[in-house]
Amino acid sequence: MPASRPTEQPTRPVLTGVSMRDLLASCAAADAVSRPPHDPEPGTPGAPEPAEGHRDAA
């Protein structure tokens, strides 16, 4: 009976598909779209005027 040899794991080629720059850009984009928009600064064009006499709903 021949001596048993340890089985070798086949080596897999290393696949590089995404550069670090693209990975970081995609993370930044995902972060940007997952946050609600900021309220505009008061006094800028297009900013809504504050409501006077506005009361909160009960």
N, C-alpha and C. Protein backbone atom coordinates (compact mmCIF):
# COMPACT_ATOMS: atom_id res chain seq x y z
N MET A 1 0.85 -1.17 0.00
CA MET A 1 0.00 0.00 0.00
C MET A 1 0.90 1.23 0.00
N PRO A 2 0.65 2.18 -0.91
CA PRO A 2 1.49 3.37 -0.98
C PRO A 2 1.22 4.30 0.21
N ALA A 3 2.22 5.05 0.60
CA ALA A 3 2.06 6.00 1.72
C ALA A 3 1.11 7.12 1.29
N SER A 4 0.25 7.52 2.20
CA SER A 4 -0.70 8.59 1.87
C SER A 4 0.01 9.95 1.93
N ARG A 5 -0.31 10.77 0.95
CA ARG A 5 0.26 12.12 0.90
C ARG A 5 -0.81 13.11 1.36
N PRO A 6 -0.37 14.16 2.01
CA PRO A 6 -1.38 15.17 2.39
C PRO A 6 -1.99 15.79 1.13
N THR A 7 -3.26 16.02 1.18
CA THR A 7 -3.94 16.61 0.02
C THR A 7 -3.64 18.10 -0.03
N GLU A 8 -3.33 18.59 -1.19
CA GLU A 8 -3.03 20.00 -1.38
C GLU A 8 -4.27 20.71 -1.88
N GLN A 9 -4.49 21.88 -1.33
CA GLN A 9 -5.60 22.70 -1.79
C GLN A 9 -5.21 23.33 -3.12
N PRO A 10 -6.08 23.28 -4.10
CA PRO A 10 -5.75 23.95 -5.36
C PRO A 10 -5.70 25.46 -5.14
N THR A 11 -4.72 26.10 -5.71
CA THR A 11 -4.60 27.55 -5.54
C THR A 11 -5.55 28.24 -6.49
N ARG A 12 -6.18 29.28 -5.99
CA ARG A 12 -7.12 30.04 -6.80
C ARG A 12 -6.44 31.32 -7.26
N PRO A 13 -6.68 31.73 -8.47
CA PRO A 13 -6.08 32.99 -8.91
C PRO A 13 -6.72 34.17 -8.17
N VAL A 14 -5.94 35.17 -7.88
CA VAL A 14 -6.44 36.36 -7.20
C VAL A 14 -7.13 37.24 -8.23
N LEU A 15 -8.37 37.59 -7.94
CA LEU A 15 -9.13 38.42 -8.87
C LEU A 15 -9.20 39.84 -8.33
N THR A 16 -8.82 40.77 -9.13
CA THR A 16 -8.95 42.18 -8.76
C THR A 16 -9.97 42.80 -9.70
N GLY A 17 -11.07 43.25 -9.13
CA GLY A 17 -12.13 43.77 -9.98
C GLY A 17 -12.45 45.23 -9.71
N VAL A 18 -12.18 45.71 -8.50
CA VAL A 18 -12.55 47.08 -8.14
C VAL A 18 -11.34 47.76 -7.53
N SER A 19 -11.03 48.94 -8.05
CA SER A 19 -9.91 49.67 -7.48
C SER A 19 -10.34 50.31 -6.16
N MET A 20 -9.38 50.64 -5.33
CA MET A 20 -9.69 51.27 -4.05
C MET A 20 -10.39 52.61 -4.27
N ARG A 21 -9.98 53.34 -5.29
CA ARG A 21 -10.60 54.64 -5.59
C ARG A 21 -12.08 54.45 -5.91
N ASP A 22 -12.41 53.45 -6.73
CA ASP A 22 -13.81 53.19 -7.09
C ASP A 22 -14.61 52.72 -5.87
N LEU A 23 -13.99 51.92 -5.04
CA LEU A 23 -14.67 51.43 -3.83
C LEU A 23 -14.99 52.59 -2.90
N LEU A 24 -14.02 53.48 -2.67
CA LEU A 24 -14.27 54.62 -1.79
C LEU A 24 -15.29 55.58 -2.40
N ALA A 25 -15.27 55.75 -3.71
CA ALA A 25 -16.25 56.62 -4.36
C ALA A 25 -17.66 56.05 -4.22
N SER A 26 -17.80 54.74 -4.34
CA SER A 26 -19.13 54.14 -4.22
C SER A 26 -19.64 54.24 -2.79
N CYS A 27 -18.75 54.13 -1.82
CA CYS A 27 -19.15 54.28 -0.42
C CYS A 27 -19.59 55.71 -0.13
N ALA A 28 -18.87 56.68 -0.68
CA ALA A 28 -19.23 58.08 -0.48
C ALA A 28 -20.57 58.39 -1.14
N ALA A 29 -20.81 57.82 -2.31
CA ALA A 29 -22.08 58.04 -3.01
C ALA A 29 -23.24 57.41 -2.24
N ALA A 30 -23.03 56.22 -1.72
CA ALA A 30 -24.08 55.55 -0.94
C ALA A 30 -24.39 56.34 0.32
N ASP A 31 -23.37 56.90 0.95
CA ASP A 31 -23.58 57.70 2.14
C ASP A 31 -24.35 58.97 1.80
N ALA A 32 -24.03 59.59 0.68
CA ALA A 32 -24.69 60.84 0.30
C ALA A 32 -26.16 60.64 0.00
N VAL A 33 -26.53 59.55 -0.65
CA VAL A 33 -27.94 59.36 -1.00
C VAL A 33 -28.75 58.79 0.16
N SER A 34 -28.09 58.28 1.19
CA SER A 34 -28.83 57.70 2.30
C SER A 34 -29.17 58.73 3.38
N ARG A 35 -28.65 59.94 3.27
CA ARG A 35 -28.94 60.98 4.25
C ARG A 35 -30.03 61.91 3.70
N PRO A 36 -30.89 62.44 4.60
CA PRO A 36 -31.90 63.38 4.13
C PRO A 36 -31.24 64.69 3.71
N PRO A 37 -31.88 65.44 2.83
CA PRO A 37 -31.29 66.71 2.39
C PRO A 37 -31.24 67.72 3.54
N HIS A 38 -30.26 68.61 3.48
CA HIS A 38 -30.15 69.65 4.50
C HIS A 38 -31.17 70.73 4.24
N ASP A 39 -31.63 71.38 5.33
CA ASP A 39 -32.52 72.52 5.17
C ASP A 39 -31.71 73.68 4.60
N PRO A 40 -32.30 74.46 3.70
CA PRO A 40 -31.57 75.61 3.15
C PRO A 40 -31.33 76.66 4.23
N GLU A 41 -30.28 77.43 4.07
CA GLU A 41 -29.98 78.51 5.01
C GLU A 41 -31.06 79.58 4.90
N PRO A 42 -31.47 80.17 6.03
CA PRO A 42 -32.46 81.25 5.96
C PRO A 42 -31.91 82.44 5.18
N GLY A 43 -32.73 83.04 4.37
CA GLY A 43 -32.32 84.20 3.60
C GLY A 43 -31.76 83.88 2.23
N THR A 44 -31.56 82.61 1.91
CA THR A 44 -31.07 82.27 0.58
C THR A 44 -32.25 82.18 -0.37
N PRO A 45 -32.03 82.47 -1.65
CA PRO A 45 -33.14 82.36 -2.61
C PRO A 45 -33.70 80.94 -2.65
N GLY A 46 -35.00 80.85 -2.62
CA GLY A 46 -35.65 79.55 -2.68
C GLY A 46 -35.94 78.95 -1.31
N ALA A 47 -35.43 79.59 -0.24
CA ALA A 47 -35.68 79.08 1.10
C ALA A 47 -37.08 79.49 1.52
N PRO A 48 -37.83 78.58 2.14
CA PRO A 48 -39.18 78.96 2.57
C PRO A 48 -39.11 79.95 3.73
N GLU A 49 -40.06 80.87 3.72
CA GLU A 49 -40.12 81.85 4.80
C GLU A 49 -40.71 81.17 6.04
N PRO A 50 -40.23 81.53 7.24
CA PRO A 50 -40.78 80.92 8.45
C PRO A 50 -42.25 81.33 8.63
N ALA A 51 -43.07 80.40 9.02
CA ALA A 51 -44.49 80.67 9.22
C ALA A 51 -44.68 81.36 10.55
N GLU A 52 -45.44 82.47 10.54
CA GLU A 52 -45.71 83.18 11.76
C GLU A 52 -47.04 82.69 12.32
N GLY A 53 -47.08 82.51 13.61
CA GLY A 53 -48.30 82.05 14.22
C GLY A 53 -48.59 80.60 13.98
N HIS A 54 -47.61 79.88 13.51
CA HIS A 54 -47.79 78.45 13.23
C HIS A 54 -47.80 77.68 14.54
N ARG A 55 -48.77 76.79 14.68
CA ARG A 55 -48.85 76.00 15.91
C ARG A 55 -48.67 74.54 15.55
N ASP A 56 -48.09 73.79 16.46
CA ASP A 56 -47.91 72.35 16.25
C ASP A 56 -49.26 71.65 16.34
N ALA A 57 -49.38 70.60 15.60
CA ALA A 57 -50.61 69.80 15.63
C ALA A 57 -50.72 69.10 16.97
N ALA A 58 -51.93 68.86 17.40
CA ALA A 58 -52.16 68.22 18.69
C ALA A 58 -51.82 66.76 18.65
